[in-house]
């Protein structure tokens, strides 16, 4: 299985993470997913009153220097870690 296929598989598995998954973990996954699928941030930072979108933008910006492949690998690793924490085999 190639990296792209494995990434897509774990992107699907991430959808089954429990509601109890922390916002911090969700933001890490969001940033890595966007970096892997879109690349570097291509929009302006949302305003101060749009806290949700601002946090997502910040998470994406935090991984801006990673290549697509690095972001995919880090995403897969993070999903595996989160699934192991809740007792689901990856």
PDB file of N, CA and C in Angstrom:
ATOM      1  N   UNK A   1       0.850  -1.182   0.000  1.00  0.00           N
ATOM      2  CA  UNK A   1       0.000   0.000   0.000  1.00  0.00           C
ATOM      3  C   UNK A   1       0.893   1.241   0.000  1.00  0.00           C
ATOM      4  N   UNK A   2       0.582   2.166  -0.884  1.00  0.00           N
ATOM      5  CA  UNK A   2       1.351   3.391  -0.970  1.00  0.00           C
ATOM      6  C   UNK A   2       0.973   4.373   0.143  1.00  0.00           C
ATOM      7  N   UNK A   3       1.776   5.404   0.280  1.00  0.00           N
ATOM      8  CA  UNK A   3       1.555   6.399   1.324  1.00  0.00           C
ATOM      9  C   UNK A   3       0.198   7.089   1.157  1.00  0.00           C
ATOM     10  N   UNK A   4      -0.163   7.447  -0.064  1.00  0.00           N
ATOM     11  CA  UNK A   4      -1.438   8.126  -0.309  1.00  0.00           C
ATOM     12  C   UNK A   4      -2.612   7.250   0.119  1.00  0.00           C
ATOM     13  N   UNK A   5      -2.555   5.974  -0.218  1.00  0.00           N
ATOM     14  CA  UNK A   5      -3.648   5.064   0.142  1.00  0.00           C
ATOM     15  C   UNK A   5      -3.739   4.885   1.654  1.00  0.00           C
ATOM     16  N   UNK A   6      -2.564   4.750   2.302  1.00  0.00           N
ATOM     17  CA  UNK A   6      -2.545   4.598   3.760  1.00  0.00           C
ATOM     18  C   UNK A   6      -3.079   5.864   4.434  1.00  0.00           C
ATOM     19  N   UNK A   7      -2.699   7.013   3.906  1.00  0.00           N
ATOM     20  CA  UNK A   7      -3.191   8.293   4.426  1.00  0.00           C
ATOM     21  C   UNK A   7      -4.713   8.362   4.318  1.00  0.00           C
ATOM     22  N   UNK A   8      -5.244   8.001   3.167  1.00  0.00           N
ATOM     23  CA  UNK A   8      -6.694   8.033   2.974  1.00  0.00           C
ATOM     24  C   UNK A   8      -7.394   7.052   3.913  1.00  0.00           C
ATOM     25  N   UNK A   9      -6.791   5.886   4.144  1.00  0.00           N
ATOM     26  CA  UNK A   9      -7.355   4.901   5.062  1.00  0.00           C
ATOM     27  C   UNK A   9      -7.432   5.475   6.481  1.00  0.00           C
ATOM     28  N   UNK A  10      -6.358   6.122   6.906  1.00  0.00           N
ATOM     29  CA  UNK A  10      -6.341   6.674   8.261  1.00  0.00           C
ATOM     30  C   UNK A  10      -7.196   7.940   8.379  1.00  0.00           C
ATOM     31  N   UNK A  11      -7.382   8.648   7.275  1.00  0.00           N
ATOM     32  CA  UNK A  11      -8.307   9.782   7.296  1.00  0.00           C
ATOM     33  C   UNK A  11      -9.724   9.276   7.562  1.00  0.00           C
ATOM     34  N   UNK A  12     -10.066   8.122   7.002  1.00  0.00           N
ATOM     35  CA  UNK A  12     -11.374   7.504   7.274  1.00  0.00           C
ATOM     36  C   UNK A  12     -11.452   7.026   8.718  1.00  0.00           C
ATOM     37  N   UNK A  13     -10.378   6.395   9.198  1.00  0.00           N
ATOM     38  CA  UNK A  13     -10.372   5.918  10.577  1.00  0.00           C
ATOM     39  C   UNK A  13     -10.497   7.076  11.565  1.00  0.00           C
ATOM     40  N   UNK A  14      -9.930   8.223  11.219  1.00  0.00           N
ATOM     41  CA  UNK A  14      -9.987   9.387  12.111  1.00  0.00           C
ATOM     42  C   UNK A  14     -11.429   9.827  12.344  1.00  0.00           C
ATOM     43  N   UNK A  15     -12.284   9.576  11.383  1.00  0.00           N
ATOM     44  CA  UNK A  15     -13.701   9.955  11.526  1.00  0.00           C
ATOM     45  C   UNK A  15     -14.389   9.167  12.625  1.00  0.00           C
ATOM     46  N   UNK A  16     -13.809   8.028  13.014  1.00  0.00           N
ATOM     47  CA  UNK A  16     -14.416   7.193  14.048  1.00  0.00           C
ATOM     48  C   UNK A  16     -13.832   7.460  15.434  1.00  0.00           C
ATOM     49  N   UNK A  17     -12.967   8.460  15.545  1.00  0.00           N
ATOM     50  CA  UNK A  17     -12.420   8.789  16.866  1.00  0.00           C
ATOM     51  C   UNK A  17     -13.557   9.252  17.775  1.00  0.00           C
ATOM     52  N   UNK A  18     -13.471   8.926  19.064  1.00  0.00           N
ATOM     53  CA  UNK A  18     -14.565   9.271  19.973  1.00  0.00           C
ATOM     54  C   UNK A  18     -14.695  10.776  20.211  1.00  0.00           C
ATOM     55  N   UNK A  19     -15.871  11.176  20.660  1.00  0.00           N
ATOM     56  CA  UNK A  19     -16.125  12.579  20.983  1.00  0.00           C
ATOM     57  C   UNK A  19     -15.155  13.086  22.044  1.00  0.00           C
ATOM     58  N   UNK A  20     -14.655  12.177  22.860  1.00  0.00           N
ATOM     59  CA  UNK A  20     -13.755  12.563  23.944  1.00  0.00           C
ATOM     60  C   UNK A  20     -12.354  12.947  23.469  1.00  0.00           C
ATOM     61  N   UNK A  21     -12.089  12.812  22.173  1.00  0.00           N
ATOM     62  CA  UNK A  21     -10.795  13.230  21.627  1.00  0.00           C
ATOM     63  C   UNK A  21     -10.620  14.716  21.902  1.00  0.00           C
ATOM     64  N   UNK A  22      -9.465  15.086  22.439  1.00  0.00           N
ATOM     65  CA  UNK A  22      -9.254  16.489  22.825  1.00  0.00           C
ATOM     66  C   UNK A  22      -9.240  17.409  21.608  1.00  0.00           C
ATOM     67  N   UNK A  23      -9.611  18.655  21.857  1.00  0.00           N
ATOM     68  CA  UNK A  23      -9.563  19.651  20.788  1.00  0.00           C
ATOM     69  C   UNK A  23      -8.129  19.822  20.293  1.00  0.00           C
ATOM     70  N   UNK A  24      -7.162  19.736  21.197  1.00  0.00           N
ATOM     71  CA  UNK A  24      -5.760  19.860  20.809  1.00  0.00           C
ATOM     72  C   UNK A  24      -5.391  18.785  19.798  1.00  0.00           C
ATOM     73  N   UNK A  25      -5.805  17.551  20.050  1.00  0.00           N
ATOM     74  CA  UNK A  25      -5.520  16.452  19.111  1.00  0.00           C
ATOM     75  C   UNK A  25      -6.245  16.658  17.793  1.00  0.00           C
ATOM     76  N   UNK A  26      -7.492  17.106  17.867  1.00  0.00           N
ATOM     77  CA  UNK A  26      -8.251  17.362  16.635  1.00  0.00           C
ATOM     78  C   UNK A  26      -7.586  18.456  15.811  1.00  0.00           C
ATOM     79  N   UNK A  27      -7.070  19.485  16.474  1.00  0.00           N
ATOM     80  CA  UNK A  27      -6.406  20.575  15.751  1.00  0.00           C
ATOM     81  C   UNK A  27      -5.100  20.107  15.123  1.00  0.00           C
ATOM     82  N   UNK A  28      -4.367  19.254  15.816  1.00  0.00           N
ATOM     83  CA  UNK A  28      -3.136  18.694  15.241  1.00  0.00           C
ATOM     84  C   UNK A  28      -3.472  17.912  13.970  1.00  0.00           C
ATOM     85  N   UNK A  29      -4.501  17.068  14.058  1.00  0.00           N
ATOM     86  CA  UNK A  29      -4.912  16.296  12.879  1.00  0.00           C
ATOM     87  C   UNK A  29      -5.363  17.217  11.749  1.00  0.00           C
ATOM     88  N   UNK A  30      -6.127  18.240  12.097  1.00  0.00           N
ATOM     89  CA  UNK A  30      -6.612  19.186  11.083  1.00  0.00           C
ATOM     90  C   UNK A  30      -5.434  19.826  10.343  1.00  0.00           C
ATOM     91  N   UNK A  31      -4.464  20.339  11.117  1.00  0.00           N
ATOM     92  CA  UNK A  31      -3.319  21.003  10.503  1.00  0.00           C
ATOM     93  C   UNK A  31      -2.532  20.075   9.590  1.00  0.00           C
ATOM     94  N   UNK A  32      -2.297  18.855  10.068  1.00  0.00           N
ATOM     95  CA  UNK A  32      -1.560  17.882   9.252  1.00  0.00           C
ATOM     96  C   UNK A  32      -2.348  17.492   8.002  1.00  0.00           C
ATOM     97  N   UNK A  33      -3.662  17.320   8.155  1.00  0.00           N
ATOM     98  CA  UNK A  33      -4.499  16.946   7.008  1.00  0.00           C
ATOM     99  C   UNK A  33      -4.455  18.049   5.938  1.00  0.00           C
ATOM    100  N   UNK A  34      -4.623  19.287   6.384  1.00  0.00           N
ATOM    101  CA  UNK A  34      -4.611  20.402   5.426  1.00  0.00           C
ATOM    102  C   UNK A  34      -3.242  20.532   4.748  1.00  0.00           C
ATOM    103  N   UNK A  35      -2.167  20.353   5.521  1.00  0.00           N
ATOM    104  CA  UNK A  35      -0.824  20.448   4.948  1.00  0.00           C
ATOM    105  C   UNK A  35      -0.610  19.335   3.925  1.00  0.00           C
ATOM    106  N   UNK A  36      -1.131  18.148   4.224  1.00  0.00           N
ATOM    107  CA  UNK A  36      -0.964  17.013   3.315  1.00  0.00           C
ATOM    108  C   UNK A  36      -1.818  17.144   2.061  1.00  0.00           C
ATOM    109  N   UNK A  37      -2.986  17.751   2.176  1.00  0.00           N
ATOM    110  CA  UNK A  37      -3.904  17.792   1.031  1.00  0.00           C
ATOM    111  C   UNK A  37      -3.884  19.113   0.262  1.00  0.00           C
ATOM    112  N   UNK A  38      -3.597  20.216   0.946  1.00  0.00           N
ATOM    113  CA  UNK A  38      -3.619  21.528   0.292  1.00  0.00           C
ATOM    114  C   UNK A  38      -2.218  22.091   0.138  1.00  0.00           C
ATOM    115  N   UNK A  39      -1.375  21.874   1.158  1.00  0.00           N
ATOM    116  CA  UNK A  39      -0.039  22.462   1.174  1.00  0.00           C
ATOM    117  C   UNK A  39      -0.017  23.620   2.153  1.00  0.00           C
ATOM    118  N   UNK A  40       0.923  24.534   1.979  1.00  0.00           N
ATOM    119  CA  UNK A  40       1.028  25.660   2.908  1.00  0.00           C
ATOM    120  C   UNK A  40      -0.260  26.489   2.970  1.00  0.00           C
ATOM    121  N   UNK A  41      -0.446  27.149   4.101  1.00  0.00           N
ATOM    122  CA  UNK A  41      -1.621  27.992   4.311  1.00  0.00           C
ATOM    123  C   UNK A  41      -1.760  28.964   3.149  1.00  0.00           C
ATOM    124  N   UNK A  42      -2.948  29.030   2.590  1.00  0.00           N
ATOM    125  CA  UNK A  42      -3.175  29.891   1.427  1.00  0.00           C
ATOM    126  C   UNK A  42      -4.266  30.936   1.666  1.00  0.00           C
ATOM    127  N   UNK A  43      -4.561  31.192   2.930  1.00  0.00           N
ATOM    128  CA  UNK A  43      -5.586  32.180   3.278  1.00  0.00           C
ATOM    129  C   UNK A  43      -5.053  33.070   4.388  1.00  0.00           C
ATOM    130  N   UNK A  44      -5.719  34.198   4.590  1.00  0.00           N
ATOM    131  CA  UNK A  44      -5.361  35.075   5.690  1.00  0.00           C
ATOM    132  C   UNK A  44      -5.890  34.519   7.006  1.00  0.00           C
ATOM    133  N   UNK A  45      -5.280  34.948   8.103  1.00  0.00           N
ATOM    134  CA  UNK A  45      -5.694  34.484   9.430  1.00  0.00           C
ATOM    135  C   UNK A  45      -7.053  35.085   9.772  1.00  0.00           C
ATOM    136  N   UNK A  46      -8.006  34.242  10.212  1.00  0.00           N
ATOM    137  CA  UNK A  46      -9.330  34.753  10.590  1.00  0.00           C
ATOM    138  C   UNK A  46      -9.234  35.752  11.745  1.00  0.00           C
ATOM    139  N   UNK A  47     -10.238  36.595  11.847  1.00  0.00           N
ATOM    140  CA  UNK A  47     -10.268  37.634  12.871  1.00  0.00           C
ATOM    141  C   UNK A  47     -10.386  37.078  14.278  1.00  0.00           C
ATOM    142  N   UNK A  48     -10.123  37.939  15.242  1.00  0.00           N
ATOM    143  CA  UNK A  48     -10.092  37.568  16.654  1.00  0.00           C
ATOM    144  C   UNK A  48     -11.431  37.042  17.156  1.00  0.00           C
ATOM    145  N   UNK A  49     -12.520  37.446  16.556  1.00  0.00           N
ATOM    146  CA  UNK A  49     -13.839  37.020  17.022  1.00  0.00           C
ATOM    147  C   UNK A  49     -14.283  35.692  16.408  1.00  0.00           C
ATOM    148  N   UNK A  50     -13.481  35.160  15.526  1.00  0.00           N
ATOM    149  CA  UNK A  50     -13.770  33.869  14.916  1.00  0.00           C
ATOM    150  C   UNK A  50     -12.774  32.848  15.486  1.00  0.00           C
ATOM    151  N   UNK A  51     -12.951  32.538  16.772  1.00  0.00           N
ATOM    152  CA  UNK A  51     -11.971  31.731  17.505  1.00  0.00           C
ATOM    153  C   UNK A  51     -11.781  30.327  16.924  1.00  0.00           C
ATOM    154  N   UNK A  52     -12.863  29.682  16.505  1.00  0.00           N
ATOM    155  CA  UNK A  52     -12.778  28.313  15.988  1.00  0.00           C
ATOM    156  C   UNK A  52     -11.920  28.263  14.723  1.00  0.00           C
ATOM    157  N   UNK A  53     -12.248  29.107  13.754  1.00  0.00           N
ATOM    158  CA  UNK A  53     -11.493  29.106  12.507  1.00  0.00           C
ATOM    159  C   UNK A  53     -10.064  29.594  12.717  1.00  0.00           C
ATOM    160  N   UNK A  54      -9.887  30.507  13.662  1.00  0.00           N
ATOM    161  CA  UNK A  54      -8.551  31.014  13.970  1.00  0.00           C
ATOM    162  C   UNK A  54      -7.674  29.891  14.543  1.00  0.00           C
ATOM    163  N   UNK A  55      -8.235  29.071  15.429  1.00  0.00           N
ATOM    164  CA  UNK A  55      -7.485  27.952  16.012  1.00  0.00           C
ATOM    165  C   UNK A  55      -7.114  26.943  14.930  1.00  0.00           C
ATOM    166  N   UNK A  56      -8.040  26.680  14.010  1.00  0.00           N
ATOM    167  CA  UNK A  56      -7.762  25.747  12.915  1.00  0.00           C
ATOM    168  C   UNK A  56      -6.661  26.303  12.014  1.00  0.00           C
ATOM    169  N   UNK A  57      -6.737  27.598  11.713  1.00  0.00           N
ATOM    170  CA  UNK A  57      -5.726  28.235  10.879  1.00  0.00           C
ATOM    171  C   UNK A  57      -4.364  28.149  11.551  1.00  0.00           C
ATOM    172  N   UNK A  58      -4.318  28.434  12.864  1.00  0.00           N
ATOM    173  CA  UNK A  58      -3.060  28.381  13.617  1.00  0.00           C
ATOM    174  C   UNK A  58      -2.458  26.972  13.593  1.00  0.00           C
ATOM    175  N   UNK A  59      -3.321  25.948  13.715  1.00  0.00           N
ATOM    176  CA  UNK A  59      -2.855  24.562  13.691  1.00  0.00           C
ATOM    177  C   UNK A  59      -2.249  24.220  12.329  1.00  0.00           C
ATOM    178  N   UNK A  60      -2.856  24.714  11.275  1.00  0.00           N
ATOM    179  CA  UNK A  60      -2.343  24.480   9.926  1.00  0.00           C
ATOM    180  C   UNK A  60      -1.020  25.226   9.734  1.00  0.00           C
ATOM    181  N   UNK A  61      -0.983  26.479  10.178  1.00  0.00           N
ATOM    182  CA  UNK A  61       0.220  27.306  10.034  1.00  0.00           C
ATOM    183  C   UNK A  61       1.400  26.694  10.793  1.00  0.00           C
ATOM    184  N   UNK A  62       1.118  26.016  11.904  1.00  0.00           N
ATOM    185  CA  UNK A  62       2.165  25.424  12.739  1.00  0.00           C
ATOM    186  C   UNK A  62       2.940  24.320  12.025  1.00  0.00           C
ATOM    187  N   UNK A  63       2.355  23.708  11.022  1.00  0.00           N
ATOM    188  CA  UNK A  63       3.030  22.619  10.295  1.00  0.00           C
ATOM    189  C   UNK A  63       3.393  23.032   8.865  1.00  0.00           C
ATOM    190  N   UNK A  64       3.413  24.314   8.623  1.00  0.00           N
ATOM    191  CA  UNK A  64       3.610  24.845   7.277  1.00  0.00           C
ATOM    192  C   UNK A  64       4.892  24.377   6.589  1.00  0.00           C
ATOM    193  N   UNK A  65       5.962  24.139   7.325  1.00  0.00           N
ATOM    194  CA  UNK A  65       7.228  23.752   6.705  1.00  0.00           C
ATOM    195  C   UNK A  65       7.324  22.288   6.298  1.00  0.00           C
ATOM    196  N   UNK A  66       6.347  21.474   6.689  1.00  0.00           N
ATOM    197  CA  UNK A  66       6.398  20.036   6.381  1.00  0.00           C
ATOM    198  C   UNK A  66       6.056  19.776   4.919  1.00  0.00           C
ATOM    199  N   UNK A  67       6.720  18.786   4.357  1.00  0.00           N
ATOM    200  CA  UNK A  67       6.366  18.360   3.003  1.00  0.00           C
ATOM    201  C   UNK A  67       5.046  17.596   3.072  1.00  0.00           C
ATOM    202  N   UNK A  68       4.459  17.365   1.919  1.00  0.00           N
ATOM    203  CA  UNK A  68       3.217  16.597   1.848  1.00  0.00           C
ATOM    204  C   UNK A  68       3.416  15.218   2.471  1.00  0.00           C
ATOM    205  N   UNK A  69       4.539  14.576   2.149  1.00  0.00           N
ATOM    206  CA  UNK A  69       4.824  13.236   2.652  1.00  0.00           C
ATOM    207  C   UNK A  69       5.023  13.232   4.165  1.00  0.00           C
ATOM    208  N   UNK A  70       5.753  14.228   4.678  1.00  0.00           N
ATOM    209  CA  UNK A  70       5.951  14.326   6.123  1.00  0.00           C
ATOM    210  C   UNK A  70       4.618  14.510   6.846  1.00  0.00           C
ATOM    211  N   UNK A  71       3.786  15.372   6.289  1.00  0.00           N
ATOM    212  CA  UNK A  71       2.478  15.628   6.901  1.00  0.00           C
ATOM    213  C   UNK A  71       1.624  14.365   6.886  1.00  0.00           C
ATOM    214  N   UNK A  72       1.657  13.625   5.796  1.00  0.00           N
ATOM    215  CA  UNK A  72       0.894  12.372   5.719  1.00  0.00           C
ATOM    216  C   UNK A  72       1.383  11.375   6.763  1.00  0.00           C
ATOM    217  N   UNK A  73       2.700  11.201   6.852  1.00  0.00           N
ATOM    218  CA  UNK A  73       3.268  10.263   7.823  1.00  0.00           C
ATOM    219  C   UNK A  73       2.933  10.672   9.252  1.00  0.00           C
ATOM    220  N   UNK A  74       3.047  11.958   9.558  1.00  0.00           N
ATOM    221  CA  UNK A  74       2.736  12.440  10.907  1.00  0.00           C
ATOM    222  C   UNK A  74       1.252  12.267  11.214  1.00  0.00           C
ATOM    223  N   UNK A  75       0.404  12.480  10.218  1.00  0.00           N
ATOM    224  CA  UNK A  75      -1.039  12.303  10.389  1.00  0.00           C
ATOM    225  C   UNK A  75      -1.357  10.844  10.715  1.00  0.00           C
ATOM    226  N   UNK A  76      -0.791   9.929   9.948  1.00  0.00           N
ATOM    227  CA  UNK A  76      -1.018   8.497  10.163  1.00  0.00           C
ATOM    228  C   UNK A  76      -0.563   8.102  11.567  1.00  0.00           C
ATOM    229  N   UNK A  77       0.617   8.560  11.958  1.00  0.00           N
ATOM    230  CA  UNK A  77       1.155   8.256  13.288  1.00  0.00           C
ATOM    231  C   UNK A  77       0.233   8.783  14.384  1.00  0.00           C
ATOM    232  N   UNK A  78      -0.272  10.001  14.223  1.00  0.00           N
ATOM    233  CA  UNK A  78      -1.141  10.606  15.244  1.00  0.00           C
ATOM    234  C   UNK A  78      -2.468   9.853  15.337  1.00  0.00           C
ATOM    235  N   UNK A  79      -3.046   9.477  14.214  1.00  0.00           N
ATOM    236  CA  UNK A  79      -4.308   8.722  14.246  1.00  0.00           C
ATOM    237  C   UNK A  79      -4.083   7.373  14.926  1.00  0.00           C
ATOM    238  N   UNK A  80      -2.983   6.697  14.591  1.00  0.00           N
ATOM    239  CA  UNK A  80      -2.670   5.411  15.237  1.00  0.00           C
ATOM    240  C   UNK A  80      -2.580   5.592  16.749  1.00  0.00           C
ATOM    241  N   UNK A  81      -1.882   6.631  17.176  1.00  0.00           N
ATOM    242  CA  UNK A  81      -1.714   6.921  18.604  1.00  0.00           C
ATOM    243  C   UNK A  81      -3.060   7.148  19.282  1.00  0.00           C
ATOM    244  N   UNK A  82      -3.897   7.941  18.664  1.00  0.00           N
ATOM    245  CA  UNK A  82      -5.202   8.244  19.258  1.00  0.00           C
ATOM    246  C   UNK A  82      -6.103   7.001  19.307  1.00  0.00           C
ATOM    247  N   UNK A  83      -6.034   6.180  18.280  1.00  0.00           N
ATOM    248  CA  UNK A  83      -6.822   4.948  18.282  1.00  0.00           C
ATOM    249  C   UNK A  83      -6.336   3.986  19.364  1.00  0.00           C
ATOM    250  N   UNK A  84      -5.017   3.907  19.545  1.00  0.00           N
ATOM    251  CA  UNK A  84      -4.464   3.045  20.602  1.00  0.00           C
ATOM    252  C   UNK A  84      -4.891   3.529  21.983  1.00  0.00           C
ATOM    253  N   UNK A  85      -4.967   4.848  22.164  1.00  0.00           N
ATOM    254  CA  UNK A  85      -5.371   5.416  23.455  1.00  0.00           C
ATOM    255  C   UNK A  85      -6.794   5.007  23.839  1.00  0.00           C
ATOM    256  N   UNK A  86      -7.641   4.830  22.836  1.00  0.00           N
ATOM    257  CA  UNK A  86      -9.035   4.437  23.135  1.00  0.00           C
ATOM    258  C   UNK A  86      -9.254   2.939  22.974  1.00  0.00           C
ATOM    259  N   UNK A  87      -8.171   2.208  22.720  1.00  0.00           N
ATOM    260  CA  UNK A  87      -8.266   0.752  22.669  1.00  0.00           C
ATOM    261  C   UNK A  87      -8.773   0.176  21.374  1.00  0.00           C
ATOM    262  N   UNK A  88      -8.640   0.925  20.284  1.00  0.00           N
ATOM    263  CA  UNK A  88      -9.034   0.426  18.965  1.00  0.00           C
ATOM    264  C   UNK A  88      -7.769   0.088  18.209  1.00  0.00           C
ATOM    265  N   UNK A  89      -7.703  -1.098  17.646  1.00  0.00           N
ATOM    266  CA  UNK A  89      -6.493  -1.463  16.899  1.00  0.00           C
ATOM    267  C   UNK A  89      -6.448  -0.691  15.585  1.00  0.00           C
ATOM    268  N   UNK A  90      -5.272  -0.191  15.266  1.00  0.00           N
ATOM    269  CA  UNK A  90      -5.123   0.670  14.097  1.00  0.00           C
ATOM    270  C   UNK A  90      -5.110  -0.094  12.817  1.00  0.00           C
TER     271      UNK A  90
END
